[in-house]
PDB file of N, CA and C in Angstrom:
ATOM      1  N   MET A   1      -2.834  13.986 -24.970  1.00  0.00           N
ATOM      2  CA  MET A   1      -3.002  13.437 -23.631  1.00  0.00           C
ATOM      3  C   MET A   1      -2.758  11.920 -23.656  1.00  0.00           C
ATOM      4  N   ALA A   2      -2.110  11.379 -22.762  1.00  0.00           N
ATOM      5  CA  ALA A   2      -1.852   9.936 -22.612  1.00  0.00           C
ATOM      6  C   ALA A   2      -3.076   9.215 -22.013  1.00  0.00           C
ATOM      7  N   HIS A   3      -3.215   7.978 -22.447  1.00  0.00           N
ATOM      8  CA  HIS A   3      -4.281   7.099 -21.866  1.00  0.00           C
ATOM      9  C   HIS A   3      -3.656   5.759 -21.418  1.00  0.00           C
ATOM     10  N   LEU A   4      -4.431   5.156 -20.511  1.00  0.00           N
ATOM     11  CA  LEU A   4      -3.991   3.809 -20.012  1.00  0.00           C
ATOM     12  C   LEU A   4      -5.327   2.993 -20.115  1.00  0.00           C
ATOM     13  N   ILE A   5      -5.313   1.895 -20.734  1.00  0.00           N
ATOM     14  CA  ILE A   5      -6.423   0.920 -20.819  1.00  0.00           C
ATOM     15  C   ILE A   5      -5.995  -0.314 -19.985  1.00  0.00           C
ATOM     16  N   ILE A   6      -6.909  -0.622 -19.059  1.00  0.00           N
ATOM     17  CA  ILE A   6      -6.689  -1.808 -18.171  1.00  0.00           C
ATOM     18  C   ILE A   6      -7.863  -2.752 -18.378  1.00  0.00           C
ATOM     19  N   ARG A   7      -7.497  -4.019 -18.646  1.00  0.00           N
ATOM     20  CA  ARG A   7      -8.510  -5.086 -18.711  1.00  0.00           C
ATOM     21  C   ARG A   7      -8.176  -6.180 -17.793  1.00  0.00           C
ATOM     22  N   HIS A   8      -9.167  -6.421 -16.850  1.00  0.00           N
ATOM     23  CA  HIS A   8      -8.996  -7.556 -15.972  1.00  0.00           C
ATOM     24  C   HIS A   8     -10.226  -8.119 -15.470  1.00  0.00           C
ATOM     25  N   LYS A   9     -10.119  -9.286 -14.867  1.00  0.00           N
ATOM     26  CA  LYS A   9     -11.334  -9.985 -14.288  1.00  0.00           C
ATOM     27  C   LYS A   9     -11.230  -9.864 -12.743  1.00  0.00           C
ATOM     28  N   VAL A  10     -12.454  -9.833 -12.213  1.00  0.00           N
ATOM     29  CA  VAL A  10     -12.496  -9.657 -10.720  1.00  0.00           C
ATOM     30  C   VAL A  10     -13.438 -10.764 -10.142  1.00  0.00           C
ATOM     31  N   ALA A  11     -13.281 -11.137  -8.949  1.00  0.00           N
ATOM     32  CA  ALA A  11     -14.046 -12.170  -8.269  1.00  0.00           C
ATOM     33  C   ALA A  11     -15.438 -11.697  -8.073  1.00  0.00           C
ATOM     34  N   ASP A  12     -15.638 -10.403  -7.681  1.00  0.00           N
ATOM     35  CA  ASP A  12     -16.962  -9.832  -7.345  1.00  0.00           C
ATOM     36  C   ASP A  12     -16.893  -8.300  -7.708  1.00  0.00           C
ATOM     37  N   PHE A  13     -17.689  -8.024  -8.674  1.00  0.00           N
ATOM     38  CA  PHE A  13     -17.665  -6.645  -9.203  1.00  0.00           C
ATOM     39  C   PHE A  13     -17.926  -5.584  -8.110  1.00  0.00           C
ATOM     40  N   ALA A  14     -18.978  -5.822  -7.323  1.00  0.00           N
ATOM     41  CA  ALA A  14     -19.380  -4.854  -6.277  1.00  0.00           C
ATOM     42  C   ALA A  14     -18.203  -4.621  -5.335  1.00  0.00           C
ATOM     43  N   LYS A  15     -17.518  -5.630  -4.900  1.00  0.00           N
ATOM     44  CA  LYS A  15     -16.376  -5.477  -3.875  1.00  0.00           C
ATOM     45  C   LYS A  15     -15.242  -4.746  -4.648  1.00  0.00           C
ATOM     46  N   TRP A  16     -14.914  -5.121  -5.872  1.00  0.00           N
ATOM     47  CA  TRP A  16     -13.898  -4.454  -6.583  1.00  0.00           C
ATOM     48  C   TRP A  16     -14.210  -2.987  -6.823  1.00  0.00           C
ATOM     49  N   LYS A  17     -15.472  -2.695  -7.144  1.00  0.00           N
ATOM     50  CA  LYS A  17     -15.862  -1.335  -7.423  1.00  0.00           C
ATOM     51  C   LYS A  17     -15.647  -0.393  -6.162  1.00  0.00           C
ATOM     52  N   THR A  18     -16.000  -0.981  -5.064  1.00  0.00           N
ATOM     53  CA  THR A  18     -15.770  -0.203  -3.780  1.00  0.00           C
ATOM     54  C   THR A  18     -14.328   0.120  -3.639  1.00  0.00           C
ATOM     55  N   ALA A  19     -13.427  -0.837  -3.856  1.00  0.00           N
ATOM     56  CA  ALA A  19     -11.962  -0.578  -3.738  1.00  0.00           C
ATOM     57  C   ALA A  19     -11.522   0.405  -4.820  1.00  0.00           C
ATOM     58  N   PHE A  20     -12.037   0.215  -6.045  1.00  0.00           N
ATOM     59  CA  PHE A  20     -11.603   1.118  -7.160  1.00  0.00           C
ATOM     60  C   PHE A  20     -12.003   2.548  -6.807  1.00  0.00           C
ATOM     61  N   ASP A  21     -13.212   2.735  -6.319  1.00  0.00           N
ATOM     62  CA  ASP A  21     -13.684   4.109  -6.006  1.00  0.00           C
ATOM     63  C   ASP A  21     -12.818   4.712  -4.867  1.00  0.00           C
ATOM     64  N   ALA A  22     -12.453   3.874  -3.891  1.00  0.00           N
ATOM     65  CA  ALA A  22     -11.740   4.338  -2.717  1.00  0.00           C
ATOM     66  C   ALA A  22     -10.296   4.769  -3.158  1.00  0.00           C
ATOM     67  N   HIS A  23      -9.844   4.236  -4.310  1.00  0.00           N
ATOM     68  CA  HIS A  23      -8.459   4.425  -4.736  1.00  0.00           C
ATOM     69  C   HIS A  23      -8.372   5.631  -5.677  1.00  0.00           C
ATOM     70  N   ALA A  24      -9.471   6.348  -5.890  1.00  0.00           N
ATOM     71  CA  ALA A  24      -9.460   7.484  -6.827  1.00  0.00           C
ATOM     72  C   ALA A  24      -8.460   8.538  -6.473  1.00  0.00           C
ATOM     73  N   ASP A  25      -8.288   8.943  -5.285  1.00  0.00           N
ATOM     74  CA  ASP A  25      -7.354  10.008  -4.918  1.00  0.00           C
ATOM     75  C   ASP A  25      -5.927   9.479  -5.271  1.00  0.00           C
ATOM     76  N   ALA A  26      -5.571   8.297  -5.017  1.00  0.00           N
ATOM     77  CA  ALA A  26      -4.243   7.837  -5.407  1.00  0.00           C
ATOM     78  C   ALA A  26      -4.032   7.980  -6.930  1.00  0.00           C
ATOM     79  N   ARG A  27      -5.010   7.661  -7.678  1.00  0.00           N
ATOM     80  CA  ARG A  27      -4.922   7.775  -9.151  1.00  0.00           C
ATOM     81  C   ARG A  27      -4.685   9.284  -9.558  1.00  0.00           C
ATOM     82  N   ARG A  28      -5.521  10.123  -8.885  1.00  0.00           N
ATOM     83  CA  ARG A  28      -5.401  11.503  -9.256  1.00  0.00           C
ATOM     84  C   ARG A  28      -4.071  12.134  -8.848  1.00  0.00           C
ATOM     85  N   LYS A  29      -3.583  11.756  -7.706  1.00  0.00           N
ATOM     86  CA  LYS A  29      -2.285  12.292  -7.227  1.00  0.00           C
ATOM     87  C   LYS A  29      -1.175  11.759  -8.130  1.00  0.00           C
ATOM     88  N   ALA A  30      -1.302  10.519  -8.718  1.00  0.00           N
ATOM     89  CA  ALA A  30      -0.349  10.007  -9.611  1.00  0.00           C
ATOM     90  C   ALA A  30      -0.368  10.638 -11.033  1.00  0.00           C
ATOM     91  N   GLY A  31      -1.400  11.364 -11.333  1.00  0.00           N
ATOM     92  CA  GLY A  31      -1.450  12.054 -12.636  1.00  0.00           C
ATOM     93  C   GLY A  31      -2.617  11.638 -13.500  1.00  0.00           C
ATOM     94  N   SER A  32      -3.527  10.743 -12.999  1.00  0.00           N
ATOM     95  CA  SER A  32      -4.745  10.421 -13.777  1.00  0.00           C
ATOM     96  C   SER A  32      -5.766  11.616 -13.703  1.00  0.00           C
ATOM     97  N   ARG A  33      -6.481  11.800 -14.862  1.00  0.00           N
ATOM     98  CA  ARG A  33      -7.331  12.832 -14.999  1.00  0.00           C
ATOM     99  C   ARG A  33      -8.799  12.365 -15.109  1.00  0.00           C
ATOM    100  N   GLY A  34      -8.978  11.068 -14.757  1.00  0.00           N
ATOM    101  CA  GLY A  34     -10.371  10.560 -14.767  1.00  0.00           C
ATOM    102  C   GLY A  34     -10.478   9.594 -15.994  1.00  0.00           C
ATOM    103  N   GLY A  35     -11.634   9.089 -16.198  1.00  0.00           N
ATOM    104  CA  GLY A  35     -11.775   8.128 -17.345  1.00  0.00           C
ATOM    105  C   GLY A  35     -13.207   7.438 -17.388  1.00  0.00           C
ATOM    106  N   THR A  36     -13.165   6.376 -17.914  1.00  0.00           N
ATOM    107  CA  THR A  36     -14.484   5.631 -18.032  1.00  0.00           C
ATOM    108  C   THR A  36     -14.249   4.102 -17.688  1.00  0.00           C
ATOM    109  N   LEU A  37     -15.204   3.604 -16.987  1.00  0.00           N
ATOM    110  CA  LEU A  37     -15.179   2.218 -16.519  1.00  0.00           C
ATOM    111  C   LEU A  37     -16.281   1.490 -17.384  1.00  0.00           C
ATOM    112  N   TYR A  38     -15.874   0.293 -17.978  1.00  0.00           N
ATOM    113  CA  TYR A  38     -16.819  -0.567 -18.710  1.00  0.00           C
ATOM    114  C   TYR A  38     -16.869  -1.891 -18.076  1.00  0.00           C
ATOM    115  N   ARG A  39     -17.981  -2.550 -18.265  1.00  0.00           N
ATOM    116  CA  ARG A  39     -18.153  -4.028 -17.910  1.00  0.00           C
ATOM    117  C   ARG A  39     -18.486  -4.793 -19.124  1.00  0.00           C
ATOM    118  N   SER A  40     -17.918  -5.978 -19.204  1.00  0.00           N
ATOM    119  CA  SER A  40     -18.193  -6.852 -20.368  1.00  0.00           C
ATOM    120  C   SER A  40     -19.685  -7.231 -20.337  1.00  0.00           C
ATOM    121  N   ALA A  41     -20.288  -7.203 -21.532  1.00  0.00           N
ATOM    122  CA  ALA A  41     -21.700  -7.652 -21.703  1.00  0.00           C
ATOM    123  C   ALA A  41     -21.784  -9.082 -21.515  1.00  0.00           C
ATOM    124  N   ASP A  42     -20.717  -9.826 -21.680  1.00  0.00           N
ATOM    125  CA  ASP A  42     -20.825 -11.327 -21.542  1.00  0.00           C
ATOM    126  C   ASP A  42     -20.354 -11.780 -20.152  1.00  0.00           C
ATOM    127  N   ASN A  43     -19.561 -11.012 -19.431  1.00  0.00           N
ATOM    128  CA  ASN A  43     -19.132 -11.402 -18.082  1.00  0.00           C
ATOM    129  C   ASN A  43     -19.072 -10.156 -17.212  1.00  0.00           C
ATOM    130  N   PRO A  44     -20.076  -9.972 -16.364  1.00  0.00           N
ATOM    131  CA  PRO A  44     -20.060  -8.794 -15.556  1.00  0.00           C
ATOM    132  C   PRO A  44     -18.949  -8.641 -14.507  1.00  0.00           C
ATOM    133  N   ASN A  45     -18.105  -9.632 -14.467  1.00  0.00           N
ATOM    134  CA  ASN A  45     -16.841  -9.557 -13.533  1.00  0.00           C
ATOM    135  C   ASN A  45     -15.656  -9.278 -14.370  1.00  0.00           C
ATOM    136  N   GLU A  46     -15.779  -8.871 -15.660  1.00  0.00           N
ATOM    137  CA  GLU A  46     -14.666  -8.452 -16.471  1.00  0.00           C
ATOM    138  C   GLU A  46     -14.818  -6.988 -16.755  1.00  0.00           C
ATOM    139  N   THR A  47     -13.714  -6.306 -16.519  1.00  0.00           N
ATOM    140  CA  THR A  47     -13.744  -4.837 -16.548  1.00  0.00           C
ATOM    141  C   THR A  47     -12.746  -4.350 -17.527  1.00  0.00           C
ATOM    142  N   LEU A  48     -13.078  -3.156 -18.185  1.00  0.00           N
ATOM    143  CA  LEU A  48     -12.183  -2.441 -19.022  1.00  0.00           C
ATOM    144  C   LEU A  48     -12.176  -0.992 -18.557  1.00  0.00           C
ATOM    145  N   ILE A  49     -11.047  -0.477 -18.180  1.00  0.00           N
ATOM    146  CA  ILE A  49     -10.966   0.873 -17.630  1.00  0.00           C
ATOM    147  C   ILE A  49     -10.122   1.683 -18.669  1.00  0.00           C
ATOM    148  N   VAL A  50     -10.608   2.834 -19.036  1.00  0.00           N
ATOM    149  CA  VAL A  50      -9.881   3.767 -19.852  1.00  0.00           C
ATOM    150  C   VAL A  50      -9.641   5.001 -19.066  1.00  0.00           C
ATOM    151  N   LEU A  51      -8.346   5.283 -18.806  1.00  0.00           N
ATOM    152  CA  LEU A  51      -8.062   6.442 -17.914  1.00  0.00           C
ATOM    153  C   LEU A  51      -7.182   7.390 -18.704  1.00  0.00           C
ATOM    154  N   GLU A  52      -7.398   8.690 -18.568  1.00  0.00           N
ATOM    155  CA  GLU A  52      -6.595   9.735 -19.106  1.00  0.00           C
ATOM    156  C   GLU A  52      -5.525  10.064 -18.068  1.00  0.00           C
ATOM    157  N   TRP A  53      -4.249  10.360 -18.569  1.00  0.00           N
ATOM    158  CA  TRP A  53      -3.103  10.609 -17.686  1.00  0.00           C
ATOM    159  C   TRP A  53      -2.434  11.845 -18.226  1.00  0.00           C
ATOM    160  N   ASP A  54      -1.749  12.508 -17.331  1.00  0.00           N
ATOM    161  CA  ASP A  54      -0.835  13.644 -17.737  1.00  0.00           C
ATOM    162  C   ASP A  54       0.365  13.171 -18.592  1.00  0.00           C
ATOM    163  N   SER A  55       0.772  11.967 -18.415  1.00  0.00           N
ATOM    164  CA  SER A  55       1.929  11.401 -19.224  1.00  0.00           C
ATOM    165  C   SER A  55       1.884   9.855 -19.162  1.00  0.00           C
ATOM    166  N   VAL A  56       2.430   9.352 -20.191  1.00  0.00           N
ATOM    167  CA  VAL A  56       2.542   7.871 -20.211  1.00  0.00           C
ATOM    168  C   VAL A  56       3.501   7.403 -19.141  1.00  0.00           C
ATOM    169  N   ALA A  57       4.587   8.195 -18.778  1.00  0.00           N
ATOM    170  CA  ALA A  57       5.516   7.876 -17.811  1.00  0.00           C
ATOM    171  C   ALA A  57       4.860   7.755 -16.465  1.00  0.00           C
ATOM    172  N   ASN A  58       3.961   8.695 -16.135  1.00  0.00           N
ATOM    173  CA  ASN A  58       3.253   8.683 -14.885  1.00  0.00           C
ATOM    174  C   ASN A  58       2.276   7.467 -14.807  1.00  0.00           C
ATOM    175  N   ALA A  59       1.657   7.106 -15.913  1.00  0.00           N
ATOM    176  CA  ALA A  59       0.700   5.959 -15.998  1.00  0.00           C
ATOM    177  C   ALA A  59       1.552   4.642 -15.747  1.00  0.00           C
ATOM    178  N   ARG A  60       2.694   4.565 -16.386  1.00  0.00           N
ATOM    179  CA  ARG A  60       3.511   3.356 -16.085  1.00  0.00           C
ATOM    180  C   ARG A  60       3.981   3.238 -14.720  1.00  0.00           C
ATOM    181  N   LYS A  61       4.403   4.373 -14.138  1.00  0.00           N
ATOM    182  CA  LYS A  61       4.893   4.377 -12.791  1.00  0.00           C
ATOM    183  C   LYS A  61       3.772   3.949 -11.825  1.00  0.00           C
ATOM    184  N   PHE A  62       2.606   4.457 -12.049  1.00  0.00           N
ATOM    185  CA  PHE A  62       1.432   4.059 -11.213  1.00  0.00           C
ATOM    186  C   PHE A  62       1.178   2.560 -11.284  1.00  0.00           C
ATOM    187  N   THR A  63       1.166   1.950 -12.518  1.00  0.00           N
ATOM    188  CA  THR A  63       0.802   0.541 -12.642  1.00  0.00           C
ATOM    189  C   THR A  63       1.863  -0.302 -11.954  1.00  0.00           C
ATOM    190  N   GLN A  64       3.114   0.246 -11.771  1.00  0.00           N
ATOM    191  CA  GLN A  64       4.149  -0.557 -11.176  1.00  0.00           C
ATOM    192  C   GLN A  64       4.254  -0.390  -9.637  1.00  0.00           C
ATOM    193  N   SER A  65       3.383   0.445  -9.149  1.00  0.00           N
ATOM    194  CA  SER A  65       3.498   0.827  -7.624  1.00  0.00           C
ATOM    195  C   SER A  65       2.931  -0.372  -6.794  1.00  0.00           C
ATOM    196  N   SER A  66       3.619  -0.499  -5.706  1.00  0.00           N
ATOM    197  CA  SER A  66       3.215  -1.606  -4.676  1.00  0.00           C
ATOM    198  C   SER A  66       1.776  -1.256  -4.219  1.00  0.00           C
ATOM    199  N   ASP A  67       1.433   0.033  -4.122  1.00  0.00           N
ATOM    200  CA  ASP A  67       0.197   0.395  -3.564  1.00  0.00           C
ATOM    201  C   ASP A  67      -0.883  -0.108  -4.531  1.00  0.00           C
ATOM    202  N   LEU A  68      -0.789   0.045  -5.831  1.00  0.00           N
ATOM    203  CA  LEU A  68      -1.758  -0.431  -6.790  1.00  0.00           C
ATOM    204  C   LEU A  68      -1.860  -1.955  -6.683  1.00  0.00           C
ATOM    205  N   GLN A  69      -0.663  -2.697  -6.627  1.00  0.00           N
ATOM    206  CA  GLN A  69      -0.662  -4.139  -6.552  1.00  0.00           C
ATOM    207  C   GLN A  69      -1.381  -4.637  -5.379  1.00  0.00           C
ATOM    208  N   GLU A  70      -1.194  -4.071  -4.179  1.00  0.00           N
ATOM    209  CA  GLU A  70      -1.844  -4.481  -2.976  1.00  0.00           C
ATOM    210  C   GLU A  70      -3.346  -4.175  -3.119  1.00  0.00           C
ATOM    211  N   THR A  71      -3.731  -3.029  -3.641  1.00  0.00           N
ATOM    212  CA  THR A  71      -5.168  -2.627  -3.817  1.00  0.00           C
ATOM    213  C   THR A  71      -5.834  -3.668  -4.650  1.00  0.00           C
ATOM    214  N   MET A  72      -5.213  -4.033  -5.784  1.00  0.00           N
ATOM    215  CA  MET A  72      -5.882  -5.011  -6.705  1.00  0.00           C
ATOM    216  C   MET A  72      -6.044  -6.381  -6.022  1.00  0.00           C
ATOM    217  N   LYS A  73      -5.058  -6.744  -5.267  1.00  0.00           N
ATOM    218  CA  LYS A  73      -5.222  -8.061  -4.542  1.00  0.00           C
ATOM    219  C   LYS A  73      -6.351  -8.006  -3.527  1.00  0.00           C
ATOM    220  N   ARG A  74      -6.423  -6.911  -2.761  1.00  0.00           N
ATOM    221  CA  ARG A  74      -7.504  -6.810  -1.767  1.00  0.00           C
ATOM    222  C   ARG A  74      -8.884  -6.698  -2.443  1.00  0.00           C
ATOM    223  N   ALA A  75      -8.879  -6.090  -3.649  1.00  0.00           N
ATOM    224  CA  ALA A  75     -10.126  -5.836  -4.350  1.00  0.00           C
ATOM    225  C   ALA A  75     -10.691  -7.109  -5.041  1.00  0.00           C
ATOM    226  N   GLY A  76      -9.852  -8.101  -5.255  1.00  0.00           N
ATOM    227  CA  GLY A  76     -10.233  -9.379  -5.754  1.00  0.00           C
ATOM    228  C   GLY A  76     -10.017  -9.546  -7.306  1.00  0.00           C
ATOM    229  N   VAL A  77      -8.933  -8.845  -7.833  1.00  0.00           N
ATOM    230  CA  VAL A  77      -8.574  -9.075  -9.208  1.00  0.00           C
ATOM    231  C   VAL A  77      -8.046 -10.503  -9.240  1.00  0.00           C
ATOM    232  N   VAL A  78      -8.511 -11.241 -10.213  1.00  0.00           N
ATOM    233  CA  VAL A  78      -8.230 -12.684 -10.284  1.00  0.00           C
ATOM    234  C   VAL A  78      -7.387 -13.079 -11.481  1.00  0.00           C
ATOM    235  N   ASP A  79      -6.867 -12.174 -12.338  1.00  0.00           N
ATOM    236  CA  ASP A  79      -6.048 -12.504 -13.309  1.00  0.00           C
ATOM    237  C   ASP A  79      -4.960 -11.406 -13.490  1.00  0.00           C
ATOM    238  N   GLN A  80      -4.070 -11.656 -14.395  1.00  0.00           N
ATOM    239  CA  GLN A  80      -3.038 -10.620 -14.649  1.00  0.00           C
ATOM    240  C   GLN A  80      -3.668  -9.559 -15.555  1.00  0.00           C
ATOM    241  N   PRO A  81      -3.704  -8.289 -15.106  1.00  0.00           N
ATOM    242  CA  PRO A  81      -4.302  -7.256 -15.910  1.00  0.00           C
ATOM    243  C   PRO A  81      -3.539  -7.072 -17.258  1.00  0.00           C
ATOM    244  N   ALA A  82      -4.269  -6.850 -18.375  1.00  0.00           N
ATOM    245  CA  ALA A  82      -3.662  -6.410 -19.533  1.00  0.00           C
ATOM    246  C   ALA A  82      -3.669  -4.914 -19.579  1.00  0.00           C
ATOM    247  N   LEU A  83      -2.427  -4.343 -19.778  1.00  0.00           N
ATOM    248  CA  LEU A  83      -2.185  -2.952 -19.731  1.00  0.00           C
ATOM    249  C   LEU A  83      -1.812  -2.427 -21.094  1.00  0.00           C
ATOM    250  N   PHE A  84      -2.493  -1.283 -21.593  1.00  0.00           N
ATOM    251  CA  PHE A  84      -2.120  -0.693 -22.838  1.00  0.00           C
ATOM    252  C   PHE A  84      -1.934   0.786 -22.529  1.00  0.00           C
ATOM    253  N   PHE A  85      -0.665   1.241 -22.903  1.00  0.00           N
ATOM    254  CA  PHE A  85      -0.281   2.604 -22.651  1.00  0.00           C
ATOM    255  C   PHE A  85      -0.360   3.346 -24.081  1.00  0.00           C
ATOM    256  N   LEU A  86      -1.124   4.321 -24.151  1.00  0.00           N
ATOM    257  CA  LEU A  86      -1.281   5.029 -25.405  1.00  0.00           C
ATOM    258  C   LEU A  86      -0.890   6.546 -25.398  1.00  0.00           C
ATOM    259  N   ASP A  87      -0.344   6.930 -26.538  1.00  0.00           N
ATOM    260  CA  ASP A  87      -0.023   8.382 -26.703  1.00  0.00           C
ATOM    261  C   ASP A  87      -1.316   9.007 -27.261  1.00  0.00           C
ATOM    262  N   ASP A  88      -1.162  10.343 -27.555  1.00  0.00           N
ATOM    263  CA  ASP A  88      -2.319  11.052 -28.016  1.00  0.00           C
ATOM    264  C   ASP A  88      -3.001  10.300 -29.172  1.00  0.00           C
ATOM    265  N   GLY A  89      -4.305  10.305 -29.181  1.00  0.00           N
ATOM    266  CA  GLY A  89      -5.141   9.701 -30.198  1.00  0.00           C
ATOM    267  C   GLY A  89      -5.578  10.699 -31.248  1.00  0.00           C
ATOM    268  N   GLU A  90      -6.175  10.125 -32.298  1.00  0.00           N
ATOM    269  CA  GLU A  90      -6.770  11.007 -33.361  1.00  0.00           C
ATOM    270  C   GLU A  90      -8.267  10.695 -33.482  1.00  0.00           C
ATOM    271  N   PRO A  91      -9.141  11.739 -33.267  1.00  0.00           N
ATOM    272  CA  PRO A  91     -10.544  11.512 -33.392  1.00  0.00           C
ATOM    273  C   PRO A  91     -10.911  10.971 -34.767  1.00  0.00           C
ATOM    274  N   VAL A  92     -11.825   9.966 -34.829  1.00  0.00           N
ATOM    275  CA  VAL A  92     -12.287   9.494 -36.009  1.00  0.00           C
ATOM    276  C   VAL A  92     -13.860   9.729 -36.108  1.00  0.00           C
ATOM    277  N   LYS A  93     -14.326  10.367 -37.074  1.00  0.00           N
ATOM    278  CA  LYS A  93     -15.771  10.576 -37.188  1.00  0.00           C
ATOM    279  C   LYS A  93     -16.385   9.898 -38.353  1.00  0.00           C
ATOM    280  N   PHE A  94     -17.629   9.547 -38.238  1.00  0.00           N
ATOM    281  CA  PHE A  94     -18.382   8.879 -39.387  1.00  0.00           C
ATOM    282  C   PHE A  94     -19.530   9.615 -39.724  1.00  0.00           C
TER     283      PHE A  94
END
């Protein structure tokens, strides 16, 4: 399964989170299968999102969509997101 990791800073986490939650259906329709949202322990307005996708191609297409760009702008993303597209991973156990 493909994954997309997004790291960005936002002006106001609560405002951004409302927009992020409202955009869930668009992510699902584009091929996302859910994921996990993290906040930096040092900066509560810095987020890291790990999303599962049906394919890397669909994840790339989604990140390039004008809908996502407009949503991020309205939500208060204040920097250029760092995007990491990942193929299947290998579990590591200790």
